Amino acid sequence: MGVHLGLIYSWLATVAAGYLLAVGPGVGGLIITGRERFDMALVMLGVLILGSVGFFLNRLDYALESHLLRWRPQQG
């Protein structure tokens, strides 16, 4: 559970830093460029990328946790 929460908070910090600093080409820069150009397609592409990466990190963590902690009863 602690690794899962750590992964969530690190992903949120990475996204926030990429969006707030926008120091180079990246998803945060893509969203900012879309916002500045009023191009909703770019903004939505950035949001979909962020959501997809977060979803796959969550699934990867769940699979890894299930494999490494087989001795623990399943939750939910």
PDB file of N, CA and C in Angstrom:
ATOM      1  N   MET A   1       0.824  -1.192   0.000  1.00  0.00           N
ATOM      2  CA  MET A   1       0.000   0.000   0.000  1.00  0.00           C
ATOM      3  C   MET A   1       0.871   1.260   0.000  1.00  0.00           C
ATOM      4  N   GLY A   2       1.972   1.230   0.736  1.00  0.00           N
ATOM      5  CA  GLY A   2       2.854   2.391   0.801  1.00  0.00           C
ATOM      6  C   GLY A   2       3.507   2.685  -0.535  1.00  0.00           C
ATOM      7  N   VAL A   3       3.892   1.625  -1.254  1.00  0.00           N
ATOM      8  CA  VAL A   3       4.503   1.817  -2.573  1.00  0.00           C
ATOM      9  C   VAL A   3       3.464   2.404  -3.525  1.00  0.00           C
ATOM     10  N   HIS A   4       2.236   1.943  -3.406  1.00  0.00           N
ATOM     11  CA  HIS A   4       1.166   2.446  -4.264  1.00  0.00           C
ATOM     12  C   HIS A   4       0.944   3.942  -4.034  1.00  0.00           C
ATOM     13  N   LEU A   5       0.876   4.344  -2.777  1.00  0.00           N
ATOM     14  CA  LEU A   5       0.698   5.767  -2.469  1.00  0.00           C
ATOM     15  C   LEU A   5       1.903   6.581  -2.909  1.00  0.00           C
ATOM     16  N   GLY A   6       3.099   6.030  -2.719  1.00  0.00           N
ATOM     17  CA  GLY A   6       4.301   6.716  -3.182  1.00  0.00           C
ATOM     18  C   GLY A   6       4.303   6.914  -4.687  1.00  0.00           C
ATOM     19  N   LEU A   7       3.843   5.898  -5.414  1.00  0.00           N
ATOM     20  CA  LEU A   7       3.756   6.002  -6.869  1.00  0.00           C
ATOM     21  C   LEU A   7       2.748   7.074  -7.287  1.00  0.00           C
ATOM     22  N   ILE A   8       1.626   7.117  -6.613  1.00  0.00           N
ATOM     23  CA  ILE A   8       0.603   8.123  -6.922  1.00  0.00           C
ATOM     24  C   ILE A   8       1.156   9.534  -6.698  1.00  0.00           C
ATOM     25  N   TYR A   9       1.771   9.750  -5.526  1.00  0.00           N
ATOM     26  CA  TYR A   9       2.272  11.088  -5.214  1.00  0.00           C
ATOM     27  C   TYR A   9       3.447  11.489  -6.099  1.00  0.00           C
ATOM     28  N   SER A  10       4.285  10.544  -6.450  1.00  0.00           N
ATOM     29  CA  SER A  10       5.400  10.880  -7.341  1.00  0.00           C
ATOM     30  C   SER A  10       4.897  11.210  -8.737  1.00  0.00           C
ATOM     31  N   TRP A  11       3.870  10.511  -9.218  1.00  0.00           N
ATOM     32  CA  TRP A  11       3.302  10.813 -10.527  1.00  0.00           C
ATOM     33  C   TRP A  11       2.647  12.200 -10.509  1.00  0.00           C
ATOM     34  N   LEU A  12       1.926  12.515  -9.447  1.00  0.00           N
ATOM     35  CA  LEU A  12       1.315  13.839  -9.341  1.00  0.00           C
ATOM     36  C   LEU A  12       2.376  14.936  -9.301  1.00  0.00           C
ATOM     37  N   ALA A  13       3.460  14.716  -8.575  1.00  0.00           N
ATOM     38  CA  ALA A  13       4.526  15.712  -8.513  1.00  0.00           C
ATOM     39  C   ALA A  13       5.210  15.878  -9.870  1.00  0.00           C
ATOM     40  N   THR A  14       5.394  14.775 -10.593  1.00  0.00           N
ATOM     41  CA  THR A  14       6.004  14.845 -11.918  1.00  0.00           C
ATOM     42  C   THR A  14       5.125  15.623 -12.883  1.00  0.00           C
ATOM     43  N   VAL A  15       3.826  15.346 -12.847  1.00  0.00           N
ATOM     44  CA  VAL A  15       2.891  16.055 -13.722  1.00  0.00           C
ATOM     45  C   VAL A  15       2.853  17.538 -13.373  1.00  0.00           C
ATOM     46  N   ALA A  16       2.793  17.850 -12.081  1.00  0.00           N
ATOM     47  CA  ALA A  16       2.741  19.252 -11.658  1.00  0.00           C
ATOM     48  C   ALA A  16       4.012  19.989 -12.052  1.00  0.00           C
ATOM     49  N   ALA A  17       5.160  19.362 -11.865  1.00  0.00           N
ATOM     50  CA  ALA A  17       6.415  20.016 -12.236  1.00  0.00           C
ATOM     51  C   ALA A  17       6.491  20.226 -13.744  1.00  0.00           C
ATOM     52  N   GLY A  18       6.070  19.247 -14.511  1.00  0.00           N
ATOM     53  CA  GLY A  18       6.087  19.390 -15.971  1.00  0.00           C
ATOM     54  C   GLY A  18       5.147  20.478 -16.456  1.00  0.00           C
ATOM     55  N   TYR A  19       4.022  20.609 -15.782  1.00  0.00           N
ATOM     56  CA  TYR A  19       3.056  21.627 -16.190  1.00  0.00           C
ATOM     57  C   TYR A  19       3.471  23.021 -15.726  1.00  0.00           C
ATOM     58  N   LEU A  20       3.910  23.126 -14.496  1.00  0.00           N
ATOM     59  CA  LEU A  20       4.232  24.445 -13.959  1.00  0.00           C
ATOM     60  C   LEU A  20       5.537  24.999 -14.518  1.00  0.00           C
ATOM     61  N   LEU A  21       6.530  24.154 -14.696  1.00  0.00           N
ATOM     62  CA  LEU A  21       7.824  24.638 -15.171  1.00  0.00           C
ATOM     63  C   LEU A  21       7.894  24.700 -16.694  1.00  0.00           C
ATOM     64  N   ALA A  22       7.319  23.709 -17.364  1.00  0.00           N
ATOM     65  CA  ALA A  22       7.301  23.638 -18.843  1.00  0.00           C
ATOM     66  C   ALA A  22       8.660  24.020 -19.418  1.00  0.00           C
ATOM     67  N   VAL A  23       9.703  23.351 -18.954  1.00  0.00           N
ATOM     68  CA  VAL A  23      11.066  23.686 -19.345  1.00  0.00           C
ATOM     69  C   VAL A  23      11.472  23.091 -20.689  1.00  0.00           C
ATOM     70  N   GLY A  24      10.658  22.307 -21.272  1.00  0.00           N
ATOM     71  CA  GLY A  24      11.009  21.710 -22.557  1.00  0.00           C
ATOM     72  C   GLY A  24       9.820  20.991 -23.154  1.00  0.00           C
ATOM     73  N   PRO A  25      10.071  20.309 -24.239  1.00  0.00           N
ATOM     74  CA  PRO A  25       8.974  19.572 -24.854  1.00  0.00           C
ATOM     75  C   PRO A  25       8.547  18.421 -23.947  1.00  0.00           C
ATOM     76  N   GLY A  26       7.301  18.349 -23.697  1.00  0.00           N
ATOM     77  CA  GLY A  26       6.751  17.312 -22.839  1.00  0.00           C
ATOM     78  C   GLY A  26       5.247  17.438 -22.816  1.00  0.00           C
ATOM     79  N   VAL A  27       4.629  16.647 -22.000  1.00  0.00           N
ATOM     80  CA  VAL A  27       3.167  16.668 -21.939  1.00  0.00           C
ATOM     81  C   VAL A  27       2.676  17.990 -21.354  1.00  0.00           C
ATOM     82  N   GLY A  28       3.373  18.499 -20.335  1.00  0.00           N
ATOM     83  CA  GLY A  28       2.984  19.793 -19.773  1.00  0.00           C
ATOM     84  C   GLY A  28       3.101  20.908 -20.800  1.00  0.00           C
ATOM     85  N   GLY A  29       4.193  20.880 -21.564  1.00  0.00           N
ATOM     86  CA  GLY A  29       4.363  21.869 -22.637  1.00  0.00           C
ATOM     87  C   GLY A  29       3.311  21.716 -23.720  1.00  0.00           C
ATOM     88  N   LEU A  30       2.913  20.490 -24.006  1.00  0.00           N
ATOM     89  CA  LEU A  30       1.861  20.245 -24.993  1.00  0.00           C
ATOM     90  C   LEU A  30       0.539  20.850 -24.540  1.00  0.00           C
ATOM     91  N   ILE A  31       0.210  20.671 -23.279  1.00  0.00           N
ATOM     92  CA  ILE A  31      -1.045  21.224 -22.748  1.00  0.00           C
ATOM     93  C   ILE A  31      -0.990  22.748 -22.753  1.00  0.00           C
ATOM     94  N   ILE A  32       0.149  23.318 -22.358  1.00  0.00           N
ATOM     95  CA  ILE A  32       0.275  24.774 -22.348  1.00  0.00           C
ATOM     96  C   ILE A  32       0.193  25.340 -23.760  1.00  0.00           C
ATOM     97  N   THR A  33       0.842  24.677 -24.715  1.00  0.00           N
ATOM     98  CA  THR A  33       0.775  25.129 -26.110  1.00  0.00           C
ATOM     99  C   THR A  33      -0.662  25.080 -26.619  1.00  0.00           C
ATOM    100  N   GLY A  34      -1.356  24.011 -26.319  1.00  0.00           N
ATOM    101  CA  GLY A  34      -2.765  23.910 -26.716  1.00  0.00           C
ATOM    102  C   GLY A  34      -3.617  24.984 -26.086  1.00  0.00           C
ATOM    103  N   ARG A  35      -3.338  25.291 -24.824  1.00  0.00           N
ATOM    104  CA  ARG A  35      -4.097  26.350 -24.141  1.00  0.00           C
ATOM    105  C   ARG A  35      -3.833  27.707 -24.780  1.00  0.00           C
ATOM    106  N   GLU A  36      -2.561  27.985 -25.086  1.00  0.00           N
ATOM    107  CA  GLU A  36      -2.214  29.282 -25.666  1.00  0.00           C
ATOM    108  C   GLU A  36      -2.774  29.453 -27.077  1.00  0.00           C
ATOM    109  N   ARG A  37      -2.876  28.366 -27.813  1.00  0.00           N
ATOM    110  CA  ARG A  37      -3.398  28.414 -29.186  1.00  0.00           C
ATOM    111  C   ARG A  37      -4.904  28.193 -29.261  1.00  0.00           C
ATOM    112  N   PHE A  38      -5.534  28.003 -28.109  1.00  0.00           N
ATOM    113  CA  PHE A  38      -6.958  27.673 -28.042  1.00  0.00           C
ATOM    114  C   PHE A  38      -7.267  26.422 -28.860  1.00  0.00           C
ATOM    115  N   ASP A  39      -6.341  25.478 -28.824  1.00  0.00           N
ATOM    116  CA  ASP A  39      -6.495  24.213 -29.550  1.00  0.00           C
ATOM    117  C   ASP A  39      -6.873  23.133 -28.539  1.00  0.00           C
ATOM    118  N   MET A  40      -8.171  22.903 -28.418  1.00  0.00           N
ATOM    119  CA  MET A  40      -8.661  21.963 -27.420  1.00  0.00           C
ATOM    120  C   MET A  40      -8.209  20.541 -27.709  1.00  0.00           C
ATOM    121  N   ALA A  41      -7.933  20.226 -28.961  1.00  0.00           N
ATOM    122  CA  ALA A  41      -7.474  18.884 -29.307  1.00  0.00           C
ATOM    123  C   ALA A  41      -6.109  18.599 -28.669  1.00  0.00           C
ATOM    124  N   LEU A  42      -5.209  19.583 -28.666  1.00  0.00           N
ATOM    125  CA  LEU A  42      -3.905  19.403 -28.022  1.00  0.00           C
ATOM    126  C   LEU A  42      -4.047  19.253 -26.509  1.00  0.00           C
ATOM    127  N   VAL A  43      -4.917  20.045 -25.930  1.00  0.00           N
ATOM    128  CA  VAL A  43      -5.134  19.956 -24.486  1.00  0.00           C
ATOM    129  C   VAL A  43      -5.686  18.580 -24.133  1.00  0.00           C
ATOM    130  N   MET A  44      -6.663  18.117 -24.881  1.00  0.00           N
ATOM    131  CA  MET A  44      -7.255  16.810 -24.602  1.00  0.00           C
ATOM    132  C   MET A  44      -6.265  15.679 -24.856  1.00  0.00           C
ATOM    133  N   LEU A  45      -5.395  15.831 -25.855  1.00  0.00           N
ATOM    134  CA  LEU A  45      -4.364  14.827 -26.096  1.00  0.00           C
ATOM    135  C   LEU A  45      -3.429  14.740 -24.888  1.00  0.00           C
ATOM    136  N   GLY A  46      -3.035  15.876 -24.361  1.00  0.00           N
ATOM    137  CA  GLY A  46      -2.188  15.886 -23.169  1.00  0.00           C
ATOM    138  C   GLY A  46      -2.867  15.240 -21.979  1.00  0.00           C
ATOM    139  N   VAL A  47      -4.141  15.546 -21.787  1.00  0.00           N
ATOM    140  CA  VAL A  47      -4.892  14.962 -20.680  1.00  0.00           C
ATOM    141  C   VAL A  47      -5.015  13.446 -20.860  1.00  0.00           C
ATOM    142  N   LEU A  48      -5.274  13.004 -22.073  1.00  0.00           N
ATOM    143  CA  LEU A  48      -5.371  11.568 -22.335  1.00  0.00           C
ATOM    144  C   LEU A  48      -4.038  10.858 -22.112  1.00  0.00           C
ATOM    145  N   ILE A  49      -2.944  11.492 -22.496  1.00  0.00           N
ATOM    146  CA  ILE A  49      -1.623  10.903 -22.257  1.00  0.00           C
ATOM    147  C   ILE A  49      -1.368  10.780 -20.761  1.00  0.00           C
ATOM    148  N   LEU A  50      -1.635  11.853 -20.019  1.00  0.00           N
ATOM    149  CA  LEU A  50      -1.429  11.818 -18.573  1.00  0.00           C
ATOM    150  C   LEU A  50      -2.292  10.749 -17.909  1.00  0.00           C
ATOM    151  N   GLY A  51      -3.542  10.682 -18.303  1.00  0.00           N
ATOM    152  CA  GLY A  51      -4.445   9.680 -17.731  1.00  0.00           C
ATOM    153  C   GLY A  51      -4.032   8.260 -18.085  1.00  0.00           C
ATOM    154  N   SER A  52      -3.609   8.053 -19.330  1.00  0.00           N
ATOM    155  CA  SER A  52      -3.198   6.714 -19.762  1.00  0.00           C
ATOM    156  C   SER A  52      -1.951   6.245 -19.023  1.00  0.00           C
ATOM    157  N   VAL A  53      -0.974   7.124 -18.900  1.00  0.00           N
ATOM    158  CA  VAL A  53       0.246   6.745 -18.180  1.00  0.00           C
ATOM    159  C   VAL A  53      -0.079   6.456 -16.714  1.00  0.00           C
ATOM    160  N   GLY A  54      -0.904   7.286 -16.100  1.00  0.00           N
ATOM    161  CA  GLY A  54      -1.313   7.043 -14.717  1.00  0.00           C
ATOM    162  C   GLY A  54      -2.059   5.730 -14.558  1.00  0.00           C
ATOM    163  N   PHE A  55      -2.943   5.425 -15.500  1.00  0.00           N
ATOM    164  CA  PHE A  55      -3.693   4.169 -15.459  1.00  0.00           C
ATOM    165  C   PHE A  55      -2.765   2.970 -15.574  1.00  0.00           C
ATOM    166  N   PHE A  56      -1.831   3.022 -16.527  1.00  0.00           N
ATOM    167  CA  PHE A  56      -0.925   1.896 -16.717  1.00  0.00           C
ATOM    168  C   PHE A  56       0.060   1.747 -15.559  1.00  0.00           C
ATOM    169  N   LEU A  57       0.485   2.856 -14.956  1.00  0.00           N
ATOM    170  CA  LEU A  57       1.319   2.758 -13.760  1.00  0.00           C
ATOM    171  C   LEU A  57       0.544   2.112 -12.619  1.00  0.00           C
ATOM    172  N   ASN A  58      -0.726   2.447 -12.491  1.00  0.00           N
ATOM    173  CA  ASN A  58      -1.568   1.854 -11.464  1.00  0.00           C
ATOM    174  C   ASN A  58      -1.735   0.355 -11.690  1.00  0.00           C
ATOM    175  N   ARG A  59      -1.990  -0.036 -12.928  1.00  0.00           N
ATOM    176  CA  ARG A  59      -2.144  -1.467 -13.236  1.00  0.00           C
ATOM    177  C   ARG A  59      -0.834  -2.222 -13.012  1.00  0.00           C
ATOM    178  N   LEU A  60       0.287  -1.616 -13.401  1.00  0.00           N
ATOM    179  CA  LEU A  60       1.582  -2.239 -13.198  1.00  0.00           C
ATOM    180  C   LEU A  60       1.863  -2.427 -11.704  1.00  0.00           C
ATOM    181  N   ASP A  61       1.560  -1.418 -10.916  1.00  0.00           N
ATOM    182  CA  ASP A  61       1.759  -1.513  -9.476  1.00  0.00           C
ATOM    183  C   ASP A  61       0.875  -2.600  -8.880  1.00  0.00           C
ATOM    184  N   TYR A  62      -0.369  -2.672  -9.317  1.00  0.00           N
ATOM    185  CA  TYR A  62      -1.282  -3.690  -8.798  1.00  0.00           C
ATOM    186  C   TYR A  62      -0.782  -5.089  -9.148  1.00  0.00           C
ATOM    187  N   ALA A  63      -0.330  -5.290 -10.385  1.00  0.00           N
ATOM    188  CA  ALA A  63       0.173  -6.599 -10.798  1.00  0.00           C
ATOM    189  C   ALA A  63       1.432  -6.969 -10.027  1.00  0.00           C
ATOM    190  N   LEU A  64       2.328  -6.007  -9.866  1.00  0.00           N
ATOM    191  CA  LEU A  64       3.566  -6.262  -9.136  1.00  0.00           C
ATOM    192  C   LEU A  64       3.285  -6.556  -7.669  1.00  0.00           C
ATOM    193  N   GLU A  65       2.373  -5.798  -7.084  1.00  0.00           N
ATOM    194  CA  GLU A  65       2.005  -6.021  -5.691  1.00  0.00           C
ATOM    195  C   GLU A  65       1.343  -7.385  -5.520  1.00  0.00           C
ATOM    196  N   SER A  66       0.476  -7.774  -6.441  1.00  0.00           N
ATOM    197  CA  SER A  66      -0.178  -9.082  -6.359  1.00  0.00           C
ATOM    198  C   SER A  66       0.837 -10.208  -6.463  1.00  0.00           C
ATOM    199  N   HIS A  67       1.844 -10.030  -7.299  1.00  0.00           N
ATOM    200  CA  HIS A  67       2.855 -11.064  -7.476  1.00  0.00           C
ATOM    201  C   HIS A  67       3.790 -11.155  -6.266  1.00  0.00           C
ATOM    202  N   LEU A  68       4.242 -10.005  -5.785  1.00  0.00           N
ATOM    203  CA  LEU A  68       5.215 -10.008  -4.697  1.00  0.00           C
ATOM    204  C   LEU A  68       4.593 -10.302  -3.336  1.00  0.00           C
ATOM    205  N   LEU A  69       3.324  -9.997  -3.180  1.00  0.00           N
ATOM    206  CA  LEU A  69       2.661 -10.190  -1.884  1.00  0.00           C
ATOM    207  C   LEU A  69       1.582 -11.265  -1.979  1.00  0.00           C
ATOM    208  N   ARG A  70       1.935 -12.409  -2.570  1.00  0.00           N
ATOM    209  CA  ARG A  70       0.962 -13.489  -2.724  1.00  0.00           C
ATOM    210  C   ARG A  70       0.493 -14.030  -1.379  1.00  0.00           C
ATOM    211  N   TRP A  71       1.319 -13.917  -0.372  1.00  0.00           N
ATOM    212  CA  TRP A  71       1.005 -14.443   0.943  1.00  0.00           C
ATOM    213  C   TRP A  71      -0.079 -13.637   1.645  1.00  0.00           C
ATOM    214  N   ARG A  72      -0.271 -12.397   1.215  1.00  0.00           N
ATOM    215  CA  ARG A  72      -1.238 -11.521   1.859  1.00  0.00           C
ATOM    216  C   ARG A  72      -2.620 -11.736   1.257  1.00  0.00           C
ATOM    217  N   PRO A  73      -3.669 -11.730   2.056  1.00  0.00           N
ATOM    218  CA  PRO A  73      -5.023 -11.889   1.487  1.00  0.00           C
ATOM    219  C   PRO A  73      -5.371 -10.715   0.555  1.00  0.00           C
ATOM    220  N   GLN A  74      -6.111 -11.014  -0.492  1.00  0.00           N
ATOM    221  CA  GLN A  74      -6.502  -9.990  -1.464  1.00  0.00           C
ATOM    222  C   GLN A  74      -7.469  -9.004  -0.834  1.00  0.00           C
ATOM    223  N   GLN A  75      -7.328  -7.738  -1.213  1.00  0.00           N
ATOM    224  CA  GLN A  75      -8.225  -6.688  -0.732  1.00  0.00           C
ATOM    225  C   GLN A  75      -9.057  -6.191  -1.897  1.00  0.00           C
ATOM    226  N   GLY A  76     -10.344  -6.031  -1.667  1.00  0.00           N
ATOM    227  CA  GLY A  76     -11.233  -5.463  -2.671  1.00  0.00           C
ATOM    228  C   GLY A  76     -11.317  -6.281  -3.863  1.00  0.00           C
TER     229      GLY A  76
END
